[in-house]
PDB file of N, CA and C in Angstrom:
ATOM      1  N   MET A   1      33.092  87.948  84.878  1.00  0.00           N
ATOM      2  CA  MET A   1      32.166  89.000  84.488  1.00  0.00           C
ATOM      3  C   MET A   1      31.235  89.319  85.656  1.00  0.00           C
ATOM      4  N   HIS A   2      30.879  90.587  85.742  1.00  0.00           N
ATOM      5  CA  HIS A   2      29.948  91.060  86.756  1.00  0.00           C
ATOM      6  C   HIS A   2      28.756  91.660  86.031  1.00  0.00           C
ATOM      7  N   THR A   3      27.563  91.444  86.569  1.00  0.00           N
ATOM      8  CA  THR A   3      26.361  91.971  85.913  1.00  0.00           C
ATOM      9  C   THR A   3      25.420  92.609  86.925  1.00  0.00           C
ATOM     10  N   VAL A   4      24.616  93.528  86.426  1.00  0.00           N
ATOM     11  CA  VAL A   4      23.542  94.128  87.206  1.00  0.00           C
ATOM     12  C   VAL A   4      22.358  94.339  86.274  1.00  0.00           C
ATOM     13  N   PHE A   5      21.164  94.174  86.840  1.00  0.00           N
ATOM     14  CA  PHE A   5      19.915  94.279  86.087  1.00  0.00           C
ATOM     15  C   PHE A   5      18.965  95.117  86.943  1.00  0.00           C
ATOM     16  N   VAL A   6      18.474  96.235  86.398  1.00  0.00           N
ATOM     17  CA  VAL A   6      17.597  97.125  87.147  1.00  0.00           C
ATOM     18  C   VAL A   6      16.380  97.464  86.300  1.00  0.00           C
ATOM     19  N   GLU A   7      15.206  97.447  86.905  1.00  0.00           N
ATOM     20  CA  GLU A   7      13.973  97.824  86.214  1.00  0.00           C
ATOM     21  C   GLU A   7      13.411  99.093  86.833  1.00  0.00           C
ATOM     22  N   PHE A   8      12.908  99.968  85.972  1.00  0.00           N
ATOM     23  CA  PHE A   8      12.305 101.228  86.394  1.00  0.00           C
ATOM     24  C   PHE A   8      10.887 101.291  85.854  1.00  0.00           C
ATOM     25  N   ALA A   9       9.934 101.602  86.715  1.00  0.00           N
ATOM     26  CA  ALA A   9       8.542 101.759  86.287  1.00  0.00           C
ATOM     27  C   ALA A   9       8.307 103.243  86.025  1.00  0.00           C
ATOM     28  N   PHE A  10       8.378 103.637  84.766  1.00  0.00           N
ATOM     29  CA  PHE A  10       8.220 105.037  84.384  1.00  0.00           C
ATOM     30  C   PHE A  10       6.812 105.353  83.895  1.00  0.00           C
ATOM     31  N   GLY A  11       6.019 104.353  83.666  1.00  0.00           N
ATOM     32  CA  GLY A  11       4.677 104.598  83.155  1.00  0.00           C
ATOM     33  C   GLY A  11       4.725 105.134  81.737  1.00  0.00           C
ATOM     34  N   PRO A  12       3.857 106.096  81.437  1.00  0.00           N
ATOM     35  CA  PRO A  12       3.726 106.558  80.051  1.00  0.00           C
ATOM     36  C   PRO A  12       4.944 107.287  79.481  1.00  0.00           C
ATOM     37  N   VAL A  13       5.876 107.719  80.319  1.00  0.00           N
ATOM     38  CA  VAL A  13       7.059 108.427  79.790  1.00  0.00           C
ATOM     39  C   VAL A  13       8.245 107.501  79.537  1.00  0.00           C
ATOM     40  N   ALA A  14       8.092 106.195  79.766  1.00  0.00           N
ATOM     41  CA  ALA A  14       9.207 105.245  79.587  1.00  0.00           C
ATOM     42  C   ALA A  14       9.784 105.312  78.174  1.00  0.00           C
ATOM     43  N   GLY A  15       8.927 105.389  77.176  1.00  0.00           N
ATOM     44  CA  GLY A  15       9.393 105.461  75.794  1.00  0.00           C
ATOM     45  C   GLY A  15      10.200 106.716  75.527  1.00  0.00           C
ATOM     46  N   LYS A  16       9.782 107.823  76.119  1.00  0.00           N
ATOM     47  CA  LYS A  16      10.501 109.085  75.924  1.00  0.00           C
ATOM     48  C   LYS A  16      11.862 109.058  76.624  1.00  0.00           C
ATOM     49  N   VAL A  17      11.913 108.467  77.809  1.00  0.00           N
ATOM     50  CA  VAL A  17      13.195 108.334  78.509  1.00  0.00           C
ATOM     51  C   VAL A  17      14.138 107.459  77.673  1.00  0.00           C
ATOM     52  N   HIS A  18      13.616 106.371  77.166  1.00  0.00           N
ATOM     53  CA  HIS A  18      14.418 105.465  76.337  1.00  0.00           C
ATOM     54  C   HIS A  18      14.951 106.187  75.101  1.00  0.00           C
ATOM     55  N   GLU A  19      14.102 106.916  74.422  1.00  0.00           N
ATOM     56  CA  GLU A  19      14.529 107.648  73.216  1.00  0.00           C
ATOM     57  C   GLU A  19      15.571 108.709  73.553  1.00  0.00           C
ATOM     58  N   ALA A  20      15.406 109.375  74.698  1.00  0.00           N
ATOM     59  CA  ALA A  20      16.351 110.418  75.097  1.00  0.00           C
ATOM     60  C   ALA A  20      17.736 109.839  75.374  1.00  0.00           C
ATOM     61  N   LEU A  21      17.792 108.592  75.826  1.00  0.00           N
ATOM     62  CA  LEU A  21      19.072 107.996  76.201  1.00  0.00           C
ATOM     63  C   LEU A  21      19.703 107.126  75.117  1.00  0.00           C
ATOM     64  N   LYS A  22      18.988 106.885  74.038  1.00  0.00           N
ATOM     65  CA  LYS A  22      19.538 106.060  72.951  1.00  0.00           C
ATOM     66  C   LYS A  22      20.906 106.534  72.452  1.00  0.00           C
ATOM     67  N   PRO A  23      21.096 107.835  72.227  1.00  0.00           N
ATOM     68  CA  PRO A  23      22.405 108.287  71.739  1.00  0.00           C
ATOM     69  C   PRO A  23      23.556 107.941  72.688  1.00  0.00           C
ATOM     70  N   GLU A  24      23.279 107.896  73.984  1.00  0.00           N
ATOM     71  CA  GLU A  24      24.322 107.559  74.957  1.00  0.00           C
ATOM     72  C   GLU A  24      24.787 106.115  74.797  1.00  0.00           C
ATOM     73  N   LEU A  25      23.908 105.249  74.320  1.00  0.00           N
ATOM     74  CA  LEU A  25      24.275 103.851  74.113  1.00  0.00           C
ATOM     75  C   LEU A  25      25.296 103.709  72.986  1.00  0.00           C
ATOM     76  N   GLN A  26      25.242 104.601  72.015  1.00  0.00           N
ATOM     77  CA  GLN A  26      26.170 104.554  70.878  1.00  0.00           C
ATOM     78  C   GLN A  26      27.555 105.048  71.267  1.00  0.00           C
ATOM     79  N   ALA A  27      27.623 105.900  72.283  1.00  0.00           N
ATOM     80  CA  ALA A  27      28.886 106.529  72.667  1.00  0.00           C
ATOM     81  C   ALA A  27      29.365 106.010  74.013  1.00  0.00           C
ATOM     82  N   ALA A  28      29.429 104.702  74.165  1.00  0.00           N
ATOM     83  CA  ALA A  28      29.870 104.117  75.427  1.00  0.00           C
ATOM     84  C   ALA A  28      31.301 104.566  75.733  1.00  0.00           C
ATOM     85  N   PRO A  29      31.550 105.100  76.942  1.00  0.00           N
ATOM     86  CA  PRO A  29      32.871 105.640  77.260  1.00  0.00           C
ATOM     87  C   PRO A  29      33.952 104.584  77.497  1.00  0.00           C
ATOM     88  N   SER A  30      33.569 103.343  77.737  1.00  0.00           N
ATOM     89  CA  SER A  30      34.561 102.320  78.052  1.00  0.00           C
ATOM     90  C   SER A  30      34.234 101.018  77.341  1.00  0.00           C
ATOM     91  N   GLU A  31      35.256 100.322  76.951  1.00  0.00           N
ATOM     92  CA  GLU A  31      35.047  99.015  76.327  1.00  0.00           C
ATOM     93  C   GLU A  31      35.078  97.909  77.373  1.00  0.00           C
ATOM     94  N   ARG A  32      35.231  98.292  78.636  1.00  0.00           N
ATOM     95  CA  ARG A  32      35.265  97.306  79.712  1.00  0.00           C
ATOM     96  C   ARG A  32      33.872  96.931  80.203  1.00  0.00           C
ATOM     97  N   SER A  33      32.836  97.597  79.662  1.00  0.00           N
ATOM     98  CA  SER A  33      31.473  97.265  80.063  1.00  0.00           C
ATOM     99  C   SER A  33      30.540  97.284  78.855  1.00  0.00           C
ATOM    100  N   ARG A  34      29.441  96.557  78.992  1.00  0.00           N
ATOM    101  CA  ARG A  34      28.417  96.503  77.947  1.00  0.00           C
ATOM    102  C   ARG A  34      27.098  96.904  78.590  1.00  0.00           C
ATOM    103  N   ILE A  35      26.377  97.819  77.918  1.00  0.00           N
ATOM    104  CA  ILE A  35      25.125  98.340  78.457  1.00  0.00           C
ATOM    105  C   ILE A  35      23.995  98.080  77.485  1.00  0.00           C
ATOM    106  N   GLU A  36      22.873  97.628  78.021  1.00  0.00           N
ATOM    107  CA  GLU A  36      21.649  97.490  77.244  1.00  0.00           C
ATOM    108  C   GLU A  36      20.553  98.245  77.983  1.00  0.00           C
ATOM    109  N   LEU A  37      19.745  98.952  77.226  1.00  0.00           N
ATOM    110  CA  LEU A  37      18.603  99.669  77.783  1.00  0.00           C
ATOM    111  C   LEU A  37      17.398  99.310  76.930  1.00  0.00           C
ATOM    112  N   ARG A  38      16.392  98.725  77.561  1.00  0.00           N
ATOM    113  CA  ARG A  38      15.202  98.287  76.828  1.00  0.00           C
ATOM    114  C   ARG A  38      13.962  98.923  77.427  1.00  0.00           C
ATOM    115  N   GLN A  39      12.966  99.096  76.587  1.00  0.00           N
ATOM    116  CA  GLN A  39      11.697  99.651  77.031  1.00  0.00           C
ATOM    117  C   GLN A  39      10.571  98.722  76.595  1.00  0.00           C
ATOM    118  N   ASP A  40       9.706  98.401  77.529  1.00  0.00           N
ATOM    119  CA  ASP A  40       8.549  97.566  77.244  1.00  0.00           C
ATOM    120  C   ASP A  40       7.357  98.166  77.983  1.00  0.00           C
ATOM    121  N   GLY A  41       6.497  98.822  77.243  1.00  0.00           N
ATOM    122  CA  GLY A  41       5.375  99.508  77.884  1.00  0.00           C
ATOM    123  C   GLY A  41       5.899 100.599  78.788  1.00  0.00           C
ATOM    124  N   GLY A  42       5.471 100.599  80.032  1.00  0.00           N
ATOM    125  CA  GLY A  42       5.905 101.612  80.993  1.00  0.00           C
ATOM    126  C   GLY A  42       7.139 101.219  81.773  1.00  0.00           C
ATOM    127  N   LEU A  43       7.784 100.138  81.358  1.00  0.00           N
ATOM    128  CA  LEU A  43       8.943  99.622  82.077  1.00  0.00           C
ATOM    129  C   LEU A  43      10.223  99.862  81.281  1.00  0.00           C
ATOM    130  N   LEU A  44      11.226 100.369  81.961  1.00  0.00           N
ATOM    131  CA  LEU A  44      12.541 100.578  81.371  1.00  0.00           C
ATOM    132  C   LEU A  44      13.504  99.635  82.086  1.00  0.00           C
ATOM    133  N   THR A  45      14.281  98.868  81.322  1.00  0.00           N
ATOM    134  CA  THR A  45      15.186  97.877  81.894  1.00  0.00           C
ATOM    135  C   THR A  45      16.618  98.202  81.514  1.00  0.00           C
ATOM    136  N   LEU A  46      17.478  98.267  82.517  1.00  0.00           N
ATOM    137  CA  LEU A  46      18.901  98.538  82.329  1.00  0.00           C
ATOM    138  C   LEU A  46      19.676  97.266  82.667  1.00  0.00           C
ATOM    139  N   PHE A  47      20.556  96.847  81.770  1.00  0.00           N
ATOM    140  CA  PHE A  47      21.417  95.693  81.980  1.00  0.00           C
ATOM    141  C   PHE A  47      22.851  96.132  81.741  1.00  0.00           C
ATOM    142  N   ILE A  48      23.713  95.876  82.713  1.00  0.00           N
ATOM    143  CA  ILE A  48      25.128  96.224  82.586  1.00  0.00           C
ATOM    144  C   ILE A  48      25.953  94.982  82.867  1.00  0.00           C
ATOM    145  N   GLU A  49      26.924  94.748  82.002  1.00  0.00           N
ATOM    146  CA  GLU A  49      27.870  93.652  82.175  1.00  0.00           C
ATOM    147  C   GLU A  49      29.273  94.255  82.079  1.00  0.00           C
ATOM    148  N   ALA A  50      30.134  93.937  83.047  1.00  0.00           N
ATOM    149  CA  ALA A  50      31.471  94.517  83.059  1.00  0.00           C
ATOM    150  C   ALA A  50      32.515  93.475  83.433  1.00  0.00           C
ATOM    151  N   GLU A  51      33.730  93.725  82.964  1.00  0.00           N
ATOM    152  CA  GLU A  51      34.842  92.810  83.232  1.00  0.00           C
ATOM    153  C   GLU A  51      35.229  92.795  84.706  1.00  0.00           C
ATOM    154  N   ASP A  52      35.116  93.948  85.370  1.00  0.00           N
ATOM    155  CA  ASP A  52      35.528  94.034  86.770  1.00  0.00           C
ATOM    156  C   ASP A  52      34.513  94.866  87.550  1.00  0.00           C
ATOM    157  N   ILE A  53      34.559  94.753  88.853  1.00  0.00           N
ATOM    158  CA  ILE A  53      33.584  95.414  89.720  1.00  0.00           C
ATOM    159  C   ILE A  53      33.715  96.940  89.664  1.00  0.00           C
ATOM    160  N   ILE A  54      34.909  97.440  89.441  1.00  0.00           N
ATOM    161  CA  ILE A  54      35.111  98.893  89.356  1.00  0.00           C
ATOM    162  C   ILE A  54      34.414  99.451  88.120  1.00  0.00           C
ATOM    163  N   SER A  55      34.542  98.775  86.988  1.00  0.00           N
ATOM    164  CA  SER A  55      33.860  99.202  85.762  1.00  0.00           C
ATOM    165  C   SER A  55      32.358  99.098  85.912  1.00  0.00           C
ATOM    166  N   LEU A  56      31.896  98.060  86.606  1.00  0.00           N
ATOM    167  CA  LEU A  56      30.462  97.891  86.835  1.00  0.00           C
ATOM    168  C   LEU A  56      29.917  99.047  87.662  1.00  0.00           C
ATOM    169  N   ARG A  57      30.613  99.400  88.727  1.00  0.00           N
ATOM    170  CA  ARG A  57      30.174 100.500  89.574  1.00  0.00           C
ATOM    171  C   ARG A  57      30.154 101.818  88.806  1.00  0.00           C
ATOM    172  N   ALA A  58      31.179 102.070  88.025  1.00  0.00           N
ATOM    173  CA  ALA A  58      31.248 103.313  87.263  1.00  0.00           C
ATOM    174  C   ALA A  58      30.111 103.399  86.247  1.00  0.00           C
ATOM    175  N   ALA A  59      29.874 102.311  85.523  1.00  0.00           N
ATOM    176  CA  ALA A  59      28.791 102.304  84.532  1.00  0.00           C
ATOM    177  C   ALA A  59      27.435 102.441  85.208  1.00  0.00           C
ATOM    178  N   LEU A  60      27.250 101.741  86.324  1.00  0.00           N
ATOM    179  CA  LEU A  60      25.972 101.810  87.032  1.00  0.00           C
ATOM    180  C   LEU A  60      25.710 103.225  87.544  1.00  0.00           C
ATOM    181  N   ASN A  61      26.705 103.854  88.144  1.00  0.00           N
ATOM    182  CA  ASN A  61      26.539 105.232  88.619  1.00  0.00           C
ATOM    183  C   ASN A  61      26.165 106.171  87.474  1.00  0.00           C
ATOM    184  N   THR A  62      26.864 106.041  86.364  1.00  0.00           N
ATOM    185  CA  THR A  62      26.588 106.893  85.202  1.00  0.00           C
ATOM    186  C   THR A  62      25.163 106.705  84.704  1.00  0.00           C
ATOM    187  N   TRP A  63      24.762 105.463  84.508  1.00  0.00           N
ATOM    188  CA  TRP A  63      23.444 105.201  83.936  1.00  0.00           C
ATOM    189  C   TRP A  63      22.304 105.492  84.892  1.00  0.00           C
ATOM    190  N   LEU A  64      22.496 105.263  86.180  1.00  0.00           N
ATOM    191  CA  LEU A  64      21.452 105.642  87.141  1.00  0.00           C
ATOM    192  C   LEU A  64      21.245 107.154  87.123  1.00  0.00           C
ATOM    193  N   ARG A  65      22.338 107.892  87.028  1.00  0.00           N
ATOM    194  CA  ARG A  65      22.258 109.356  86.974  1.00  0.00           C
ATOM    195  C   ARG A  65      21.568 109.809  85.686  1.00  0.00           C
ATOM    196  N   LEU A  66      21.943 109.241  84.544  1.00  0.00           N
ATOM    197  CA  LEU A  66      21.332 109.616  83.266  1.00  0.00           C
ATOM    198  C   LEU A  66      19.820 109.334  83.263  1.00  0.00           C
ATOM    199  N   ILE A  67      19.438 108.170  83.760  1.00  0.00           N
ATOM    200  CA  ILE A  67      18.019 107.793  83.784  1.00  0.00           C
ATOM    201  C   ILE A  67      17.246 108.706  84.726  1.00  0.00           C
ATOM    202  N   LYS A  68      17.822 108.998  85.891  1.00  0.00           N
ATOM    203  CA  LYS A  68      17.164 109.884  86.850  1.00  0.00           C
ATOM    204  C   LYS A  68      16.945 111.275  86.257  1.00  0.00           C
ATOM    205  N   ILE A  69      17.968 111.821  85.638  1.00  0.00           N
ATOM    206  CA  ILE A  69      17.871 113.168  85.060  1.00  0.00           C
ATOM    207  C   ILE A  69      16.859 113.197  83.916  1.00  0.00           C
ATOM    208  N   ALA A  70      16.891 112.196  83.043  1.00  0.00           N
ATOM    209  CA  ALA A  70      15.933 112.156  81.932  1.00  0.00           C
ATOM    210  C   ALA A  70      14.501 112.091  82.457  1.00  0.00           C
ATOM    211  N   GLY A  71      14.253 111.271  83.458  1.00  0.00           N
ATOM    212  CA  GLY A  71      12.921 111.179  84.050  1.00  0.00           C
ATOM    213  C   GLY A  71      12.493 112.485  84.691  1.00  0.00           C
ATOM    214  N   GLU A  72      13.400 113.127  85.413  1.00  0.00           N
ATOM    215  CA  GLU A  72      13.084 114.407  86.051  1.00  0.00           C
ATOM    216  C   GLU A  72      12.779 115.487  85.015  1.00  0.00           C
ATOM    217  N   MET A  73      13.542 115.523  83.942  1.00  0.00           N
ATOM    218  CA  MET A  73      13.314 116.531  82.906  1.00  0.00           C
ATOM    219  C   MET A  73      11.946 116.339  82.236  1.00  0.00           C
ATOM    220  N   LEU A  74      11.596 115.097  81.966  1.00  0.00           N
ATOM    221  CA  LEU A  74      10.293 114.837  81.354  1.00  0.00           C
ATOM    222  C   LEU A  74       9.159 115.181  82.306  1.00  0.00           C
ATOM    223  N   ASN A  75       9.311 114.880  83.576  1.00  0.00           N
ATOM    224  CA  ASN A  75       8.290 115.233  84.565  1.00  0.00           C
ATOM    225  C   ASN A  75       8.178 116.740  84.728  1.00  0.00           C
ATOM    226  N   ALA A  76       9.311 117.447  84.725  1.00  0.00           N
ATOM    227  CA  ALA A  76       9.304 118.907  84.831  1.00  0.00           C
ATOM    228  C   ALA A  76       8.627 119.521  83.610  1.00  0.00           C
ATOM    229  N   ARG A  77       8.906 118.958  82.457  1.00  0.00           N
ATOM    230  CA  ARG A  77       8.310 119.455  81.210  1.00  0.00           C
ATOM    231  C   ARG A  77       6.799 119.307  81.240  1.00  0.00           C
ATOM    232  N   ASN A  78       6.306 118.210  81.808  1.00  0.00           N
ATOM    233  CA  ASN A  78       4.878 117.951  81.847  1.00  0.00           C
ATOM    234  C   ASN A  78       4.152 118.820  82.884  1.00  0.00           C
ATOM    235  N   THR A  79       4.894 119.451  83.815  1.00  0.00           N
ATOM    236  CA  THR A  79       4.252 120.280  84.831  1.00  0.00           C
ATOM    237  C   THR A  79       4.265 121.759  84.466  1.00  0.00           C
ATOM    238  N   ILE A  80       5.005 122.122  83.414  1.00  0.00           N
ATOM    239  CA  ILE A  80       5.093 123.546  83.014  1.00  0.00           C
ATOM    240  C   ILE A  80       3.859 123.930  82.243  1.00  0.00           C
TER     241      ILE A  80
END
């Protein structure tokens, strides 16, 4: 098994990012990896466990992109 653990300091929008991404956790595209996304205060924690390094890389790329976009959208919304 291969694992990766990443923490993001989102501050007050961490809860909103977490809520925006919850549906994606239900629709995992592959059974070769397991994803957990947790929120504690202003901190968002991503944990990925995969059977092989290729699945780990694919899941990590997907989730980093999803988290980045959700954060950008919330920041853009707050500046309008």
